[in-house]
Each structure stands twice: as structure tokens, then as C-alpha cells.
């Protein structure tokens, strides 16, 4: 098992494992962060998992409160 990495960016694979473990255990599960970290194969510590979740929660709140503008996508099709 590899040692937990620093708080650097998470890879797509790590994010996917995080999402799947979180969906499997549910936010209210006892020892959630330890369980998610374990399900991720030890690539992140329980504290890193908890901080990552809190960052995402804060990000969603900022978006919902209009503190982060929606990007202007260049799209083609029905809406343009």
C-alpha cells in the first residue's frame, strides 16, 4: 500500500474512487473519512478525504450564493 499523498491535486482516478466510496457509505456513516480513505487504497489519509469533502461543500455553497460566476461556454446547437 502506498503512503498517503500530500494535499496536492487529486487525480481523476482518486476523485472517482472518492465519489464511489462516498456514495456507497453515505454522508452519515460512522467513521466515514476512514472508510473512504481505506476504499481509496490508502492514497489519501482520512484527514485529506475530510478536507477534500469540505472543499467541495464550500465550493457548492459559493456557486449557489453567486460568488462564483457560471462559465460562458461556446456551444452549438439548440441554445445558440
PDB file of N, CA and C in Angstrom:
ATOM      1  N   UNK A   1       0.853  -1.174   0.000  1.00  0.00           N
ATOM      2  CA  UNK A   1       0.000   0.000   0.000  1.00  0.00           C
ATOM      3  C   UNK A   1       0.891   1.226   0.000  1.00  0.00           C
ATOM      4  N   UNK A   2       0.575   2.199  -0.852  1.00  0.00           N
ATOM      5  CA  UNK A   2       1.380   3.408  -0.923  1.00  0.00           C
ATOM      6  C   UNK A   2       1.043   4.336   0.232  1.00  0.00           C
ATOM      7  N   UNK A   3       1.968   5.233   0.539  1.00  0.00           N
ATOM      8  CA  UNK A   3       1.716   6.179   1.630  1.00  0.00           C
ATOM      9  C   UNK A   3       0.792   7.282   1.140  1.00  0.00           C
ATOM     10  N   UNK A   4       0.030   7.863   2.059  1.00  0.00           N
ATOM     11  CA  UNK A   4      -0.881   8.925   1.647  1.00  0.00           C
ATOM     12  C   UNK A   4      -0.118  10.089   1.029  1.00  0.00           C
ATOM     13  N   UNK A   5      -0.656  10.624  -0.059  1.00  0.00           N
ATOM     14  CA  UNK A   5      -0.003  11.742  -0.726  1.00  0.00           C
ATOM     15  C   UNK A   5      -0.372  13.052  -0.054  1.00  0.00           C
ATOM     16  N   UNK A   6       0.303  14.089  -0.437  1.00  0.00           N
ATOM     17  CA  UNK A   6       0.056  15.395   0.147  1.00  0.00           C
ATOM     18  C   UNK A   6      -1.278  15.939  -0.340  1.00  0.00           C
ATOM     19  N   UNK A   7      -1.565  17.167   0.044  1.00  0.00           N
ATOM     20  CA  UNK A   7      -2.817  17.806  -0.363  1.00  0.00           C
ATOM     21  C   UNK A   7      -2.751  18.352  -1.784  1.00  0.00           C
ATOM     22  N   UNK A   8      -1.884  17.802  -2.597  1.00  0.00           N
ATOM     23  CA  UNK A   8      -1.807  18.231  -3.987  1.00  0.00           C
ATOM     24  C   UNK A   8      -3.110  17.878  -4.688  1.00  0.00           C
ATOM     25  N   UNK A   9      -3.209  18.275  -5.933  1.00  0.00           N
ATOM     26  CA  UNK A   9      -4.426  17.983  -6.688  1.00  0.00           C
ATOM     27  C   UNK A   9      -4.707  16.490  -6.719  1.00  0.00           C
ATOM     28  N   UNK A  10      -5.974  16.191  -6.773  1.00  0.00           N
ATOM     29  CA  UNK A  10      -6.398  14.802  -6.842  1.00  0.00           C
ATOM     30  C   UNK A  10      -6.498  14.388  -8.301  1.00  0.00           C
ATOM     31  N   UNK A  11      -6.098  13.171  -8.582  1.00  0.00           N
ATOM     32  CA  UNK A  11      -6.217  12.651  -9.946  1.00  0.00           C
ATOM     33  C   UNK A  11      -7.681  12.319 -10.240  1.00  0.00           C
ATOM     34  N   UNK A  12      -7.983  12.133 -11.522  1.00  0.00           N
ATOM     35  CA  UNK A  12      -9.337  11.728 -11.905  1.00  0.00           C
ATOM     36  C   UNK A  12      -9.701  10.403 -11.245  1.00  0.00           C
ATOM     37  N   UNK A  13      -8.739   9.498 -11.186  1.00  0.00           N
ATOM     38  CA  UNK A  13      -8.983   8.188 -10.575  1.00  0.00           C
ATOM     39  C   UNK A  13      -9.287   8.340  -9.086  1.00  0.00           C
ATOM     40  N   UNK A  14      -8.512   9.185  -8.392  1.00  0.00           N
ATOM     41  CA  UNK A  14      -8.758   9.398  -6.961  1.00  0.00           C
ATOM     42  C   UNK A  14     -10.126  10.033  -6.736  1.00  0.00           C
ATOM     43  N   UNK A  15     -10.484  11.018  -7.557  1.00  0.00           N
ATOM     44  CA  UNK A  15     -11.800  11.640  -7.428  1.00  0.00           C
ATOM     45  C   UNK A  15     -12.913  10.630  -7.657  1.00  0.00           C
ATOM     46  N   UNK A  16     -12.747   9.770  -8.630  1.00  0.00           N
ATOM     47  CA  UNK A  16     -13.759   8.744  -8.913  1.00  0.00           C
ATOM     48  C   UNK A  16     -13.884   7.775  -7.739  1.00  0.00           C
ATOM     49  N   UNK A  17     -12.765   7.332  -7.189  1.00  0.00           N
ATOM     50  CA  UNK A  17     -12.806   6.430  -6.032  1.00  0.00           C
ATOM     51  C   UNK A  17     -13.473   7.124  -4.845  1.00  0.00           C
ATOM     52  N   UNK A  18     -13.152   8.399  -4.642  1.00  0.00           N
ATOM     53  CA  UNK A  18     -13.751   9.196  -3.571  1.00  0.00           C
ATOM     54  C   UNK A  18     -15.267   9.245  -3.737  1.00  0.00           C
ATOM     55  N   UNK A  19     -15.725   9.587  -4.943  1.00  0.00           N
ATOM     56  CA  UNK A  19     -17.158   9.688  -5.221  1.00  0.00           C
ATOM     57  C   UNK A  19     -17.870   8.360  -5.004  1.00  0.00           C
ATOM     58  N   UNK A  20     -17.267   7.289  -5.501  1.00  0.00           N
ATOM     59  CA  UNK A  20     -17.907   5.975  -5.375  1.00  0.00           C
ATOM     60  C   UNK A  20     -17.981   5.529  -3.916  1.00  0.00           C
ATOM     61  N   UNK A  21     -16.918   5.756  -3.162  1.00  0.00           N
ATOM     62  CA  UNK A  21     -16.911   5.367  -1.751  1.00  0.00           C
ATOM     63  C   UNK A  21     -17.904   6.212  -0.961  1.00  0.00           C
ATOM     64  N   UNK A  22     -17.961   7.492  -1.249  1.00  0.00           N
ATOM     65  CA  UNK A  22     -18.900   8.374  -0.567  1.00  0.00           C
ATOM     66  C   UNK A  22     -20.341   7.962  -0.858  1.00  0.00           C
ATOM     67  N   UNK A  23     -20.621   7.617  -2.108  1.00  0.00           N
ATOM     68  CA  UNK A  23     -21.964   7.158  -2.469  1.00  0.00           C
ATOM     69  C   UNK A  23     -22.293   5.830  -1.793  1.00  0.00           C
ATOM     70  N   UNK A  24     -21.308   4.961  -1.702  1.00  0.00           N
ATOM     71  CA  UNK A  24     -21.527   3.645  -1.096  1.00  0.00           C
ATOM     72  C   UNK A  24     -21.817   3.753   0.398  1.00  0.00           C
ATOM     73  N   UNK A  25     -20.990   4.508   1.124  1.00  0.00           N
ATOM     74  CA  UNK A  25     -21.134   4.598   2.581  1.00  0.00           C
ATOM     75  C   UNK A  25     -22.184   5.606   3.023  1.00  0.00           C
ATOM     76  N   UNK A  26     -22.360   6.685   2.280  1.00  0.00           N
ATOM     77  CA  UNK A  26     -23.307   7.730   2.660  1.00  0.00           C
ATOM     78  C   UNK A  26     -22.682   8.709   3.638  1.00  0.00           C
ATOM     79  N   UNK A  27     -23.115   9.954   3.549  1.00  0.00           N
ATOM     80  CA  UNK A  27     -22.507  11.027   4.329  1.00  0.00           C
ATOM     81  C   UNK A  27     -22.657  10.815   5.832  1.00  0.00           C
ATOM     82  N   UNK A  28     -23.700  10.160   6.274  1.00  0.00           N
ATOM     83  CA  UNK A  28     -23.923   9.979   7.712  1.00  0.00           C
ATOM     84  C   UNK A  28     -23.258   8.766   8.331  1.00  0.00           C
ATOM     85  N   UNK A  29     -22.471   8.030   7.576  1.00  0.00           N
ATOM     86  CA  UNK A  29     -21.868   6.790   8.087  1.00  0.00           C
ATOM     87  C   UNK A  29     -20.856   7.072   9.193  1.00  0.00           C
ATOM     88  N   UNK A  30     -20.837   6.231  10.230  1.00  0.00           N
ATOM     89  CA  UNK A  30     -19.798   6.390  11.255  1.00  0.00           C
ATOM     90  C   UNK A  30     -18.414   6.125  10.657  1.00  0.00           C
ATOM     91  N   UNK A  31     -17.440   6.866  11.117  1.00  0.00           N
ATOM     92  CA  UNK A  31     -16.050   6.724  10.639  1.00  0.00           C
ATOM     93  C   UNK A  31     -15.949   6.863   9.120  1.00  0.00           C
ATOM     94  N   UNK A  32     -16.753   7.759   8.576  1.00  0.00           N
ATOM     95  CA  UNK A  32     -16.839   7.901   7.123  1.00  0.00           C
ATOM     96  C   UNK A  32     -15.486   8.167   6.482  1.00  0.00           C
ATOM     97  N   UNK A  33     -14.742   9.118   7.011  1.00  0.00           N
ATOM     98  CA  UNK A  33     -13.490   9.511   6.353  1.00  0.00           C
ATOM     99  C   UNK A  33     -12.473   8.380   6.351  1.00  0.00           C
ATOM    100  N   UNK A  34     -12.437   7.598   7.423  1.00  0.00           N
ATOM    101  CA  UNK A  34     -11.549   6.436   7.470  1.00  0.00           C
ATOM    102  C   UNK A  34     -11.975   5.387   6.448  1.00  0.00           C
ATOM    103  N   UNK A  35     -13.283   5.173   6.344  1.00  0.00           N
ATOM    104  CA  UNK A  35     -13.799   4.183   5.390  1.00  0.00           C
ATOM    105  C   UNK A  35     -13.502   4.596   3.950  1.00  0.00           C
ATOM    106  N   UNK A  36     -13.728   5.879   3.641  1.00  0.00           N
ATOM    107  CA  UNK A  36     -13.478   6.356   2.279  1.00  0.00           C
ATOM    108  C   UNK A  36     -11.985   6.275   1.968  1.00  0.00           C
ATOM    109  N   UNK A  37     -11.146   6.696   2.907  1.00  0.00           N
ATOM    110  CA  UNK A  37      -9.697   6.626   2.696  1.00  0.00           C
ATOM    111  C   UNK A  37      -9.258   5.186   2.459  1.00  0.00           C
ATOM    112  N   UNK A  38      -9.803   4.261   3.216  1.00  0.00           N
ATOM    113  CA  UNK A  38      -9.471   2.850   3.046  1.00  0.00           C
ATOM    114  C   UNK A  38      -9.936   2.335   1.685  1.00  0.00           C
ATOM    115  N   UNK A  39     -11.150   2.730   1.288  1.00  0.00           N
ATOM    116  CA  UNK A  39     -11.682   2.302  -0.006  1.00  0.00           C
ATOM    117  C   UNK A  39     -10.851   2.843  -1.163  1.00  0.00           C
ATOM    118  N   UNK A  40     -10.146   3.950  -0.907  1.00  0.00           N
ATOM    119  CA  UNK A  40      -9.289   4.548  -1.934  1.00  0.00           C
ATOM    120  C   UNK A  40      -7.913   3.891  -1.966  1.00  0.00           C
ATOM    121  N   UNK A  41      -7.719   2.869  -1.178  1.00  0.00           N
ATOM    122  CA  UNK A  41      -6.462   2.129  -1.204  1.00  0.00           C
ATOM    123  C   UNK A  41      -5.324   2.805  -0.476  1.00  0.00           C
ATOM    124  N   UNK A  42      -5.646   3.761   0.395  1.00  0.00           N
ATOM    125  CA  UNK A  42      -4.598   4.419   1.172  1.00  0.00           C
ATOM    126  C   UNK A  42      -3.856   5.507   0.420  1.00  0.00           C
ATOM    127  N   UNK A  43      -4.377   5.941  -0.728  1.00  0.00           N
ATOM    128  CA  UNK A  43      -3.696   7.009  -1.475  1.00  0.00           C
ATOM    129  C   UNK A  43      -3.873   8.360  -0.797  1.00  0.00           C
ATOM    130  N   UNK A  44      -4.906   8.483   0.043  1.00  0.00           N
ATOM    131  CA  UNK A  44      -5.173   9.704   0.802  1.00  0.00           C
ATOM    132  C   UNK A  44      -5.490   9.315   2.240  1.00  0.00           C
ATOM    133  N   UNK A  45      -5.127  10.188   3.171  1.00  0.00           N
ATOM    134  CA  UNK A  45      -5.441   9.942   4.577  1.00  0.00           C
ATOM    135  C   UNK A  45      -6.903  10.318   4.843  1.00  0.00           C
ATOM    136  N   UNK A  46      -7.420   9.881   5.993  1.00  0.00           N
ATOM    137  CA  UNK A  46      -8.783  10.227   6.374  1.00  0.00           C
ATOM    138  C   UNK A  46      -8.929  11.743   6.470  1.00  0.00           C
ATOM    139  N   UNK A  47      -7.916  12.425   6.978  1.00  0.00           N
ATOM    140  CA  UNK A  47      -7.968  13.883   7.093  1.00  0.00           C
ATOM    141  C   UNK A  47      -7.973  14.552   5.715  1.00  0.00           C
ATOM    142  N   UNK A  48      -7.214  14.035   4.779  1.00  0.00           N
ATOM    143  CA  UNK A  48      -7.226  14.575   3.411  1.00  0.00           C
ATOM    144  C   UNK A  48      -8.588  14.377   2.762  1.00  0.00           C
ATOM    145  N   UNK A  49      -9.198  13.239   3.009  1.00  0.00           N
ATOM    146  CA  UNK A  49     -10.527  12.952   2.462  1.00  0.00           C
ATOM    147  C   UNK A  49     -11.542  13.930   3.053  1.00  0.00           C
ATOM    148  N   UNK A  50     -11.467  14.146   4.362  1.00  0.00           N
ATOM    149  CA  UNK A  50     -12.385  15.077   5.020  1.00  0.00           C
ATOM    150  C   UNK A  50     -12.214  16.492   4.477  1.00  0.00           C
ATOM    151  N   UNK A  51     -10.972  16.937   4.316  1.00  0.00           N
ATOM    152  CA  UNK A  51     -10.712  18.280   3.787  1.00  0.00           C
ATOM    153  C   UNK A  51     -11.195  18.411   2.338  1.00  0.00           C
ATOM    154  N   UNK A  52     -11.016  17.355   1.538  1.00  0.00           N
ATOM    155  CA  UNK A  52     -11.470  17.365   0.149  1.00  0.00           C
ATOM    156  C   UNK A  52     -12.992  17.508   0.098  1.00  0.00           C
ATOM    157  N   UNK A  53     -13.684  16.770   0.945  1.00  0.00           N
ATOM    158  CA  UNK A  53     -15.139  16.858   1.007  1.00  0.00           C
ATOM    159  C   UNK A  53     -15.565  18.265   1.411  1.00  0.00           C
ATOM    160  N   UNK A  54     -14.922  18.832   2.432  1.00  0.00           N
ATOM    161  CA  UNK A  54     -15.283  20.169   2.901  1.00  0.00           C
ATOM    162  C   UNK A  54     -15.032  21.223   1.829  1.00  0.00           C
ATOM    163  N   UNK A  55     -13.936  21.070   1.079  1.00  0.00           N
ATOM    164  CA  UNK A  55     -13.648  21.973  -0.024  1.00  0.00           C
ATOM    165  C   UNK A  55     -14.771  21.934  -1.059  1.00  0.00           C
ATOM    166  N   UNK A  56     -15.231  20.737  -1.383  1.00  0.00           N
ATOM    167  CA  UNK A  56     -16.305  20.587  -2.365  1.00  0.00           C
ATOM    168  C   UNK A  56     -17.616  21.181  -1.859  1.00  0.00           C
ATOM    169  N   UNK A  57     -17.918  20.974  -0.570  1.00  0.00           N
ATOM    170  CA  UNK A  57     -19.130  21.550   0.029  1.00  0.00           C
ATOM    171  C   UNK A  57     -19.060  23.073  -0.034  1.00  0.00           C
ATOM    172  N   UNK A  58     -17.903  23.632   0.338  1.00  0.00           N
ATOM    173  CA  UNK A  58     -17.726  25.088   0.298  1.00  0.00           C
ATOM    174  C   UNK A  58     -17.851  25.618  -1.125  1.00  0.00           C
ATOM    175  N   UNK A  59     -17.311  24.880  -2.078  1.00  0.00           N
ATOM    176  CA  UNK A  59     -17.378  25.276  -3.484  1.00  0.00           C
ATOM    177  C   UNK A  59     -18.831  25.335  -3.958  1.00  0.00           C
ATOM    178  N   UNK A  60     -19.619  24.329  -3.612  1.00  0.00           N
ATOM    179  CA  UNK A  60     -21.030  24.302  -3.998  1.00  0.00           C
ATOM    180  C   UNK A  60     -21.768  25.477  -3.367  1.00  0.00           C
ATOM    181  N   UNK A  61     -21.492  25.754  -2.098  1.00  0.00           N
ATOM    182  CA  UNK A  61     -22.144  26.890  -1.427  1.00  0.00           C
ATOM    183  C   UNK A  61     -21.809  28.204  -2.126  1.00  0.00           C
ATOM    184  N   UNK A  62     -20.555  28.380  -2.514  1.00  0.00           N
ATOM    185  CA  UNK A  62     -20.153  29.605  -3.210  1.00  0.00           C
ATOM    186  C   UNK A  62     -20.860  29.732  -4.551  1.00  0.00           C
ATOM    187  N   UNK A  63     -21.009  28.641  -5.252  1.00  0.00           N
ATOM    188  CA  UNK A  63     -21.725  28.654  -6.532  1.00  0.00           C
ATOM    189  C   UNK A  63     -23.194  29.002  -6.305  1.00  0.00           C
ATOM    190  N   UNK A  64     -23.806  28.359  -5.316  1.00  0.00           N
ATOM    191  CA  UNK A  64     -25.222  28.601  -5.037  1.00  0.00           C
ATOM    192  C   UNK A  64     -25.501  30.036  -4.605  1.00  0.00           C
ATOM    193  N   UNK A  65     -24.535  30.666  -3.938  1.00  0.00           N
ATOM    194  CA  UNK A  65     -24.707  32.042  -3.474  1.00  0.00           C
ATOM    195  C   UNK A  65     -24.223  33.074  -4.495  1.00  0.00           C
ATOM    196  N   UNK A  66     -23.885  32.625  -5.698  1.00  0.00           N
ATOM    197  CA  UNK A  66     -23.495  33.539  -6.757  1.00  0.00           C
ATOM    198  C   UNK A  66     -22.114  34.142  -6.612  1.00  0.00           C
ATOM    199  N   UNK A  67     -21.282  33.559  -5.764  1.00  0.00           N
ATOM    200  CA  UNK A  67     -19.927  34.088  -5.556  1.00  0.00           C
ATOM    201  C   UNK A  67     -18.961  33.643  -6.637  1.00  0.00           C
ATOM    202  N   UNK A  68     -19.356  32.622  -7.392  1.00  0.00           N
ATOM    203  CA  UNK A  68     -18.536  32.126  -8.498  1.00  0.00           C
ATOM    204  C   UNK A  68     -19.402  32.204  -9.746  1.00  0.00           C
ATOM    205  N   UNK A  69     -18.997  32.991 -10.726  1.00  0.00           N
ATOM    206  CA  UNK A  69     -19.835  33.126 -11.920  1.00  0.00           C
ATOM    207  C   UNK A  69     -19.838  31.846 -12.748  1.00  0.00           C
ATOM    208  N   UNK A  70     -20.944  31.619 -13.409  1.00  0.00           N
ATOM    209  CA  UNK A  70     -21.033  30.483 -14.315  1.00  0.00           C
ATOM    210  C   UNK A  70     -20.159  30.753 -15.529  1.00  0.00           C
ATOM    211  N   UNK A  71     -19.453  29.760 -16.006  1.00  0.00           N
ATOM    212  CA  UNK A  71     -18.624  29.970 -17.195  1.00  0.00           C
ATOM    213  C   UNK A  71     -19.492  30.196 -18.421  1.00  0.00           C
ATOM    214  N   UNK A  72     -18.956  30.926 -19.377  1.00  0.00           N
ATOM    215  CA  UNK A  72     -19.658  31.147 -20.644  1.00  0.00           C
ATOM    216  C   UNK A  72     -19.105  30.154 -21.650  1.00  0.00           C
ATOM    217  N   UNK A  73     -19.873  29.121 -21.900  1.00  0.00           N
ATOM    218  CA  UNK A  73     -19.452  28.071 -22.812  1.00  0.00           C
ATOM    219  C   UNK A  73     -19.760  28.451 -24.238  1.00  0.00           C
ATOM    220  N   UNK A  74     -18.891  28.100 -25.119  1.00  0.00           N
ATOM    221  CA  UNK A  74     -19.153  28.260 -26.543  1.00  0.00           C
ATOM    222  C   UNK A  74     -19.751  26.949 -27.024  1.00  0.00           C
ATOM    223  N   UNK A  75     -21.024  26.970 -27.291  1.00  0.00           N
ATOM    224  CA  UNK A  75     -21.713  25.746 -27.699  1.00  0.00           C
ATOM    225  C   UNK A  75     -22.395  25.966 -29.030  1.00  0.00           C
ATOM    226  N   UNK A  76     -22.729  24.890 -29.638  1.00  0.00           N
ATOM    227  CA  UNK A  76     -23.505  24.931 -30.861  1.00  0.00           C
ATOM    228  C   UNK A  76     -24.743  24.099 -30.624  1.00  0.00           C
ATOM    229  N   UNK A  77     -25.786  24.451 -31.310  1.00  0.00           N
ATOM    230  CA  UNK A  77     -26.980  23.647 -31.184  1.00  0.00           C
ATOM    231  C   UNK A  77     -28.175  24.475 -30.804  1.00  0.00           C
ATOM    232  N   UNK A  78     -29.074  23.848 -30.128  1.00  0.00           N
ATOM    233  CA  UNK A  78     -30.385  24.407 -29.807  1.00  0.00           C
ATOM    234  C   UNK A  78     -30.307  25.749 -29.090  1.00  0.00           C
ATOM    235  N   UNK A  79     -29.411  25.900 -28.126  1.00  0.00           N
ATOM    236  CA  UNK A  79     -29.387  27.073 -27.271  1.00  0.00           C
ATOM    237  C   UNK A  79     -28.659  28.259 -27.878  1.00  0.00           C
ATOM    238  N   UNK A  80     -27.964  28.091 -28.974  1.00  0.00           N
ATOM    239  CA  UNK A  80     -27.191  29.205 -29.542  1.00  0.00           C
ATOM    240  C   UNK A  80     -27.922  29.900 -30.656  1.00  0.00           C
TER     241      UNK A  80
END
